[in-house]
Each structure stands twice: as C-alpha cells, then as structure tokens.
Amino acid sequence: MPTPVGSDRIKRPIQAKAPTEDLAKISMEEGMTTLVQDGVEKVLQGHTTFKQVKAVAIK
C-alpha cells in the first residue's frame, strides 16, 4: 500500500488544528477512501462479509 502524501490543502488545516469533520471533508474531496468504503468494496469482490466489515468499521 502506498504511503499517503499530504497536499498543502490538507496540511494547513492539520497544522491549524481544524475540526476532524473539516479534515475528513477535505480528505474525501481529494480522493481518500474510508475504511467502510474499502470494506464494502471488498465485500463486493467476495474477499470478506458485511458482518466482518460492520464489526471493524462501523460503530
């Protein structure tokens, strides 16, 4: 898995201690995949079950 590289668009809010919601929004706009999204993709590929994804990724 490649190491993520932070853009200036995300680095500045991190340094400014922006709210988590803001960081998540920017990250998603820049193409970040959430753990749930990745899990659902793996369910669709047949690598795991939704029950397993729910156990680890959904509160």
C-alpha atoms as a PDB file:
ATOM      1  CA  MET A   1       0.000   0.000   0.000  1.00  0.00           C
ATOM      2  CA  PRO A   2       1.475   3.380  -0.964  1.00  0.00           C
ATOM      3  CA  THR A   3       2.277   5.937   1.686  1.00  0.00           C
ATOM      4  CA  PRO A   4      -0.208   8.797   1.520  1.00  0.00           C
ATOM      5  CA  VAL A   5       1.258  12.168   0.632  1.00  0.00           C
ATOM      6  CA  GLY A   6      -0.440  15.161   2.183  1.00  0.00           C
ATOM      7  CA  SER A   7      -1.285  18.081  -0.035  1.00  0.00           C
ATOM      8  CA  ASP A   8      -0.974  21.689   1.068  1.00  0.00           C
ATOM      9  CA  ARG A   9      -4.762  21.763   1.099  1.00  0.00           C
ATOM     10  CA  ILE A  10      -4.827  19.216   3.948  1.00  0.00           C
ATOM     11  CA  LYS A  11      -1.542  20.118   5.680  1.00  0.00           C
ATOM     12  CA  ARG A  12      -2.576  23.664   6.545  1.00  0.00           C
ATOM     13  CA  PRO A  13      -5.813  22.701   8.337  1.00  0.00           C
ATOM     14  CA  ILE A  14      -3.966  19.940  10.206  1.00  0.00           C
ATOM     15  CA  GLN A  15      -1.361  22.447  11.408  1.00  0.00           C
ATOM     16  CA  ALA A  16      -4.172  24.834  12.377  1.00  0.00           C
ATOM     17  CA  LYS A  17      -5.839  22.022  14.374  1.00  0.00           C
ATOM     18  CA  ALA A  18      -9.015  22.228  12.290  1.00  0.00           C
ATOM     19  CA  PRO A  19     -12.029  20.157  13.375  1.00  0.00           C
ATOM     20  CA  THR A  20     -11.982  16.486  12.389  1.00  0.00           C
ATOM     21  CA  GLU A  21     -15.076  16.997  10.230  1.00  0.00           C
ATOM     22  CA  ASP A  22     -13.231  19.591   8.136  1.00  0.00           C
ATOM     23  CA  LEU A  23     -10.233  17.296   7.697  1.00  0.00           C
ATOM     24  CA  ALA A  24     -12.482  14.402   6.681  1.00  0.00           C
ATOM     25  CA  LYS A  25     -14.321  16.567   4.140  1.00  0.00           C
ATOM     26  CA  ILE A  26     -11.088  17.782   2.533  1.00  0.00           C
ATOM     27  CA  SER A  27      -9.621  14.272   2.507  1.00  0.00           C
ATOM     28  CA  MET A  28     -12.727  12.831   0.835  1.00  0.00           C
ATOM     29  CA  GLU A  29     -12.681  15.606  -1.773  1.00  0.00           C
ATOM     30  CA  GLU A  30      -9.066  14.666  -2.500  1.00  0.00           C
ATOM     31  CA  GLY A  31      -9.936  11.024  -3.049  1.00  0.00           C
ATOM     32  CA  MET A  32      -9.496   9.390   0.334  1.00  0.00           C
ATOM     33  CA  THR A  33     -11.320   6.076   0.733  1.00  0.00           C
ATOM     34  CA  THR A  34     -12.849   5.444   4.144  1.00  0.00           C
ATOM     35  CA  LEU A  35     -12.487   2.152   5.956  1.00  0.00           C
ATOM     36  CA  VAL A  36     -16.195   1.448   5.372  1.00  0.00           C
ATOM     37  CA  GLN A  37     -15.941   2.219   1.645  1.00  0.00           C
ATOM     38  CA  ASP A  38     -12.919  -0.053   1.319  1.00  0.00           C
ATOM     39  CA  GLY A  39     -14.696  -2.776   3.278  1.00  0.00           C
ATOM     40  CA  VAL A  40     -17.809  -2.607   1.095  1.00  0.00           C
ATOM     41  CA  GLU A  41     -15.620  -2.853  -1.998  1.00  0.00           C
ATOM     42  CA  LYS A  42     -14.007  -5.985  -0.547  1.00  0.00           C
ATOM     43  CA  VAL A  43     -17.468  -7.432   0.200  1.00  0.00           C
ATOM     44  CA  LEU A  44     -18.461  -6.865  -3.433  1.00  0.00           C
ATOM     45  CA  GLN A  45     -15.236  -8.569  -4.551  1.00  0.00           C
ATOM     46  CA  GLY A  46     -16.015 -11.556  -2.330  1.00  0.00           C
ATOM     47  CA  HIS A  47     -12.994 -11.097  -0.040  1.00  0.00           C
ATOM     48  CA  THR A  48     -15.000 -10.619   3.170  1.00  0.00           C
ATOM     49  CA  THR A  49     -18.536 -10.334   4.526  1.00  0.00           C
ATOM     50  CA  PHE A  50     -20.547  -7.282   5.500  1.00  0.00           C
ATOM     51  CA  LYS A  51     -20.765  -8.707   9.015  1.00  0.00           C
ATOM     52  CA  GLN A  52     -16.966  -8.591   9.272  1.00  0.00           C
ATOM     53  CA  VAL A  53     -16.818  -5.049   7.868  1.00  0.00           C
ATOM     54  CA  LYS A  54     -19.509  -3.921  10.296  1.00  0.00           C
ATOM     55  CA  ALA A  55     -17.617  -5.462  13.225  1.00  0.00           C
ATOM     56  CA  VAL A  56     -14.466  -3.466  12.493  1.00  0.00           C
ATOM     57  CA  ALA A  57     -15.509  -0.320  10.695  1.00  0.00           C
ATOM     58  CA  ILE A  58     -18.987   0.688  11.820  1.00  0.00           C
ATOM     59  CA  LYS A  59     -19.751   1.926  15.331  1.00  0.00           C
END
